[in-house]
Amino acid sequence: MTFPPFTILSPTGPSAPLIVDSPHSGRIYPDDFDFECSLDVLRQTEDSYVDELVSSAMRAGAIVISAQFPRSYIDVNRAEDDIDPALLAAPWPTPLAPSDRTLLGLGLVRRLCKSNVPVYRAPLPVAEVQKRIRDYYRPYHAVLEKTVNQRVTQFGECYLVDCHSMPGKGTEHATSMRPDFVLGDRDGASSDPAFTGRVCVLLREMGYSVALNDPYKGVEIVRRYGKPHHGQHALQLEINRRLYMNEQTLEKNAGFVRLQNDLADLFRALATDLMQQMPMAAE
């Protein structure tokens, strides 16, 4: 089975300097993904349906990019050298820089699907990980970089909203629920604080609870493409799964349509704001 690593939805009307991406909602499992754990458990790592929730952004003038492969196969929101040495059957040919989270088994290619549950029966060959980087990771980043550059060329700046979902609780036994949304701009390093603040205000006006940079500040995608001094702004948007799905069965719940409509309103308001603050670019 072969398939494109990503989908692109183009604006259905006038373009805006807005890009929306969903890097973790992919649910096509490649034939060579020889995982040992249960598929039901592995699917818990997906940001289920986020691509559907944000697809309406194309009607607001945004380009929408979504990964089709699962994050458990390879995670485009990790640096290319963020690899767990314990995952590999042989040494990697170049230096690695695994993060603390990666050393817990949750890196560029996952070693664990959850605590103490390995994804694979045995370590992976280096060539297998290199193939995933070549066929999935780099094409996703190539199209994202190309789209950002095109928007900057057309409008002088662009705004990337990197969309994810998060568990309703921080841990299985936590007593308190997480907020409805968490916005991450790496403490102001990846996006104009005014843009982050506008997203926060719009969501709160809709009745949602919103936190800033806690517990998620943004990882590789906003770090790589968020360069405010060059007109590139990147904001990570984490959506609480309890708003729209059953976290155990992965079934959509009664809140799905409302959230989808609210996100459509959010992107429409953002696109309108962005177009009003800059001269109209030629189409």
Protein backbone atom coordinates (compact mmCIF):
# COMPACT_ATOMS: atom_id res chain seq x y z
CA MET A 1 0.00 0.00 0.00
CA THR A 2 1.39 3.38 -1.02
CA PHE A 3 -0.17 6.74 -0.27
CA PRO A 4 0.85 10.42 -0.26
CA PRO A 5 2.39 11.41 3.08
CA PHE A 6 0.13 14.45 3.39
CA THR A 7 -2.99 16.12 2.05
CA ILE A 8 -3.34 19.77 1.11
CA LEU A 9 -6.60 21.71 1.10
CA SER A 10 -6.35 24.96 -0.86
CA PRO A 11 -8.42 28.06 -0.09
CA THR A 12 -11.88 28.00 -1.60
CA GLY A 13 -11.94 31.81 -1.86
CA PRO A 14 -9.46 34.68 -1.48
CA SER A 15 -6.21 33.64 0.17
CA ALA A 16 -5.11 34.84 3.60
CA PRO A 17 -1.61 34.68 5.15
CA LEU A 18 -2.77 31.76 7.26
CA ILE A 19 -1.58 28.13 7.28
CA VAL A 20 -3.17 25.42 9.41
CA ASP A 21 -1.53 22.03 9.85
CA SER A 22 -2.40 18.78 11.60
CA PRO A 23 0.75 16.64 11.88
CA HIS A 24 -0.57 13.93 14.23
CA SER A 25 -4.03 12.99 12.94
CA GLY A 26 -2.80 10.53 10.29
CA ARG A 27 -4.49 7.14 10.45
CA ILE A 28 -3.14 5.23 7.43
CA TYR A 29 -0.75 2.63 8.83
CA PRO A 30 2.00 1.70 6.32
CA ASP A 31 2.38 -1.95 5.41
CA ASP A 32 5.95 -2.02 6.73
CA PHE A 33 4.89 -0.77 10.18
CA ASP A 34 5.56 -4.07 11.94
CA PHE A 35 4.36 -3.12 15.41
CA GLU A 36 4.02 -5.66 18.20
CA CYS A 37 1.57 -3.86 20.51
CA SER A 38 -2.19 -3.81 20.09
CA LEU A 39 -3.49 -1.51 17.34
CA ASP A 40 -6.17 -0.26 19.74
CA VAL A 41 -3.47 0.86 22.16
CA LEU A 42 -1.30 2.32 19.41
CA ARG A 43 -4.20 4.36 18.04
CA GLN A 44 -4.47 6.14 21.39
CA THR A 45 -1.38 8.08 20.29
CA GLU A 46 -3.24 9.66 17.34
CA ASP A 47 -4.62 13.19 17.45
CA SER A 48 -7.85 11.66 16.21
CA TYR A 49 -10.01 13.75 13.84
CA VAL A 50 -8.03 16.99 14.26
CA ASP A 51 -7.70 17.15 10.47
CA GLU A 52 -11.50 17.09 10.21
CA LEU A 53 -11.94 19.66 12.96
CA VAL A 54 -9.70 22.22 11.21
CA SER A 55 -10.51 21.52 7.54
CA SER A 56 -12.92 24.48 7.50
CA ALA A 57 -9.92 26.83 7.64
CA MET A 58 -9.66 26.54 3.85
CA ARG A 59 -12.96 28.47 3.61
CA ALA A 60 -11.29 31.28 5.55
CA GLY A 61 -8.47 31.53 3.01
CA ALA A 62 -5.99 29.24 4.74
CA ILE A 63 -3.99 26.38 3.29
CA VAL A 64 -4.59 23.24 5.38
CA ILE A 65 -1.89 20.55 5.49
CA SER A 66 -2.45 17.21 7.24
CA ALA A 67 -0.21 14.17 7.65
CA GLN A 68 -1.73 10.87 6.52
CA PHE A 69 0.74 8.59 8.35
CA PRO A 70 0.48 8.07 12.12
CA ARG A 71 2.78 9.88 14.53
CA SER A 72 3.69 6.52 16.08
CA TYR A 73 5.34 5.58 12.77
CA ILE A 74 7.35 8.80 12.63
CA ASP A 75 6.71 12.09 14.40
CA VAL A 76 7.25 15.22 12.30
CA ASN A 77 6.99 17.33 15.46
CA ARG A 78 10.38 16.07 16.62
CA ALA A 79 13.82 17.06 15.36
CA GLU A 80 15.39 14.68 12.87
CA ASP A 81 18.16 13.75 15.31
CA ASP A 82 15.77 13.30 18.27
CA ILE A 83 16.14 9.52 18.19
CA ASP A 84 16.25 7.11 21.11
CA PRO A 85 19.46 5.01 20.78
CA ALA A 86 17.64 2.15 22.55
CA LEU A 87 15.26 1.95 19.57
CA LEU A 88 18.07 1.05 17.16
CA ALA A 89 19.64 -2.28 16.32
CA ALA A 90 22.94 -0.57 15.44
CA PRO A 91 24.59 2.84 16.04
CA TRP A 92 23.21 5.80 14.09
CA PRO A 93 25.77 7.08 11.53
CA THR A 94 25.70 10.68 12.81
CA PRO A 95 25.45 12.22 16.32
CA LEU A 96 22.02 12.08 17.98
CA ALA A 97 20.41 14.58 20.35
CA PRO A 98 17.63 12.73 22.16
CA SER A 99 15.40 14.84 24.41
CA ASP A 100 14.31 13.72 27.87
CA ARG A 101 10.93 12.72 26.45
CA THR A 102 12.64 10.68 23.75
CA LEU A 103 14.70 8.79 26.32
CA LEU A 104 11.35 7.80 27.85
CA GLY A 105 10.51 6.11 24.55
CA LEU A 106 8.52 8.90 22.86
CA GLY A 107 10.87 10.31 20.24
CA LEU A 108 11.01 10.75 16.48
CA VAL A 109 10.13 7.06 16.21
CA ARG A 110 8.37 5.73 19.28
CA ARG A 111 9.87 2.88 21.26
CA LEU A 112 6.89 2.75 23.63
CA CYS A 113 3.22 3.35 22.81
CA LYS A 114 2.55 3.96 26.50
CA SER A 115 4.37 3.33 29.75
CA ASN A 116 6.08 -0.07 29.70
CA VAL A 117 4.29 -1.16 26.49
CA PRO A 118 6.83 -1.52 23.66
CA VAL A 119 5.81 -0.78 20.08
CA TYR A 120 8.20 -3.34 18.55
CA ARG A 121 9.34 -6.86 19.31
CA ALA A 122 12.99 -5.95 18.69
CA PRO A 123 15.14 -2.88 17.92
CA LEU A 124 14.74 -1.41 14.44
CA PRO A 125 17.37 -1.50 11.70
CA VAL A 126 18.94 1.90 11.05
CA ALA A 127 17.88 1.65 7.39
CA GLU A 128 14.22 1.34 8.42
CA VAL A 129 14.28 4.59 10.39
CA GLN A 130 16.19 6.33 7.59
CA LYS A 131 13.51 5.21 5.12
CA ARG A 132 10.76 6.73 7.26
CA ILE A 133 12.67 9.99 7.44
CA ARG A 134 13.18 10.04 3.67
CA ASP A 135 9.66 8.99 2.62
CA TYR A 136 7.48 10.71 5.23
CA TYR A 137 9.28 13.14 7.54
CA ARG A 138 11.19 15.19 4.98
CA PRO A 139 8.33 15.45 2.45
CA TYR A 140 6.02 16.79 5.17
CA HIS A 141 8.51 19.43 6.24
CA ALA A 142 9.34 20.25 2.63
CA VAL A 143 5.72 21.09 1.81
CA LEU A 144 5.30 23.04 5.04
CA GLU A 145 8.46 25.07 4.38
CA LYS A 146 7.44 25.69 0.76
CA THR A 147 3.99 26.87 1.82
CA VAL A 148 5.38 29.19 4.50
CA ASN A 149 7.82 30.71 1.99
CA GLN A 150 5.06 31.20 -0.58
CA ARG A 151 2.85 32.98 1.93
CA VAL A 152 5.70 35.23 3.09
CA THR A 153 6.49 36.09 -0.53
CA GLN A 154 2.85 36.87 -1.28
CA PHE A 155 1.88 38.74 1.89
CA GLY A 156 5.15 39.74 3.54
CA GLU A 157 4.34 37.51 6.51
CA CYS A 158 2.46 34.36 7.43
CA TYR A 159 0.83 32.76 10.44
CA LEU A 160 0.99 29.01 11.01
CA VAL A 161 -1.43 27.38 13.47
CA ASP A 162 -0.07 23.94 14.32
CA CYS A 163 -3.02 21.87 15.58
CA HIS A 164 -2.96 18.95 18.01
CA SER A 165 -5.16 17.23 20.57
CA MET A 166 -4.34 16.39 24.19
CA PRO A 167 -5.74 13.98 26.77
CA GLY A 168 -8.39 15.41 29.06
CA LYS A 169 -6.17 14.75 32.09
CA GLY A 170 -2.43 15.09 32.54
CA THR A 171 -2.21 11.53 33.86
CA GLU A 172 -4.62 8.63 34.10
CA HIS A 173 -5.10 9.13 37.84
CA ALA A 174 -5.17 12.95 37.87
CA THR A 175 -8.20 14.46 39.61
CA SER A 176 -8.34 17.73 37.67
CA MET A 177 -9.11 18.21 33.98
CA ARG A 178 -6.93 20.14 31.60
CA PRO A 179 -8.25 23.36 30.03
CA ASP A 180 -10.14 23.21 26.76
CA PHE A 181 -7.21 24.65 24.81
CA VAL A 182 -3.50 25.19 25.40
CA LEU A 183 -1.70 27.71 23.20
CA GLY A 184 2.06 27.32 22.81
CA ASP A 185 4.36 29.94 21.33
CA ARG A 186 7.55 28.96 23.16
CA ASP A 187 7.03 31.81 25.60
CA GLY A 188 6.71 34.36 22.81
CA ALA A 189 9.69 33.14 20.78
CA SER A 190 7.74 31.62 17.86
CA SER A 191 4.87 34.09 17.38
CA ASP A 192 3.90 37.71 17.85
CA PRO A 193 2.32 37.79 21.33
CA ALA A 194 -0.48 39.88 19.85
CA PHE A 195 -1.47 36.99 17.58
CA THR A 196 -1.33 34.50 20.45
CA GLY A 197 -3.39 36.89 22.55
CA ARG A 198 -5.99 37.33 19.82
CA VAL A 199 -6.47 33.56 19.52
CA CYS A 200 -6.80 33.36 23.29
CA VAL A 201 -9.43 36.12 23.40
CA LEU A 202 -11.49 34.63 20.58
CA LEU A 203 -11.59 31.20 22.21
CA ARG A 204 -12.48 32.62 25.62
CA GLU A 205 -15.26 34.68 24.08
CA MET A 206 -16.69 31.40 22.78
CA GLY A 207 -16.78 30.11 26.36
CA TYR A 208 -13.67 27.93 26.34
CA SER A 209 -10.95 27.79 29.00
CA VAL A 210 -7.47 28.55 27.63
CA ALA A 211 -3.96 28.19 29.05
CA LEU A 212 -0.74 29.66 27.62
CA ASN A 213 2.46 27.60 27.30
CA ASP A 214 1.43 25.26 30.12
CA PRO A 215 1.92 22.34 29.87
CA TYR A 216 2.72 22.64 26.13
CA LYS A 217 5.02 25.35 24.77
CA GLY A 218 5.35 23.96 21.25
CA VAL A 219 7.96 21.61 19.84
CA GLU A 220 9.75 21.19 16.50
CA ILE A 221 7.19 22.62 14.06
CA VAL A 222 6.70 25.96 15.82
CA ARG A 223 10.41 26.10 16.67
CA ARG A 224 11.41 25.54 13.05
CA TYR A 225 8.87 27.82 11.35
CA GLY A 226 8.29 30.43 14.02
CA LYS A 227 10.62 33.30 13.13
CA PRO A 228 8.72 36.46 14.06
CA HIS A 229 11.58 38.78 13.05
CA HIS A 230 11.32 37.35 9.54
CA GLY A 231 7.54 37.64 9.34
CA GLN A 232 6.95 33.96 10.17
CA HIS A 233 4.70 33.31 13.16
CA ALA A 234 3.90 29.83 14.45
CA LEU A 235 1.48 28.93 17.23
CA GLN A 236 0.73 25.47 18.59
CA LEU A 237 -2.95 24.83 19.35
CA GLU A 238 -3.75 21.89 21.66
CA ILE A 239 -7.41 20.82 21.80
CA ASN A 240 -8.77 18.85 24.75
CA ARG A 241 -10.07 15.54 23.39
CA ARG A 242 -12.95 15.39 25.84
CA LEU A 243 -14.55 18.27 23.92
CA TYR A 244 -15.23 16.12 20.88
CA MET A 245 -14.51 12.41 21.41
CA ASN A 246 -14.54 9.43 23.74
CA GLU A 247 -10.88 8.98 24.61
CA GLN A 248 -11.20 5.23 25.14
CA THR A 249 -13.25 4.23 22.07
CA LEU A 250 -12.06 7.10 19.82
CA GLU A 251 -15.68 7.75 18.83
CA LYS A 252 -16.83 11.29 18.17
CA ASN A 253 -19.18 12.64 20.82
CA ALA A 254 -22.04 15.15 20.69
CA GLY A 255 -19.60 18.08 20.99
CA PHE A 256 -17.79 17.38 17.74
CA VAL A 257 -19.99 19.50 15.44
CA ARG A 258 -20.09 22.44 17.84
CA LEU A 259 -16.30 22.45 18.17
CA GLN A 260 -15.87 22.13 14.41
CA ASN A 261 -18.15 25.13 13.88
CA ASP A 262 -16.40 27.16 16.57
CA LEU A 263 -13.02 26.48 14.98
CA ALA A 264 -14.44 27.58 11.62
CA ASP A 265 -15.46 30.86 13.28
CA LEU A 266 -12.01 31.16 14.87
CA PHE A 267 -10.15 30.78 11.57
CA ARG A 268 -12.55 33.13 9.79
CA ALA A 269 -12.00 35.82 12.45
CA LEU A 270 -8.22 35.36 12.34
CA ALA A 271 -8.11 35.57 8.55
CA THR A 272 -10.24 38.73 8.60
CA ASP A 273 -7.97 40.31 11.21
CA LEU A 274 -4.82 39.44 9.28
CA MET A 275 -6.13 40.79 5.98
CA GLN A 276 -7.22 44.04 7.61
CA GLN A 277 -3.76 44.70 9.03
CA MET A 278 -1.87 44.41 5.74
CA PRO A 279 -2.14 45.72 2.19
CA MET A 280 -3.99 43.37 -0.12
CA ALA A 281 -1.53 41.15 -1.98
CA ALA A 282 -2.05 40.40 -5.61
CA GLU A 283 -3.54 36.99 -6.26
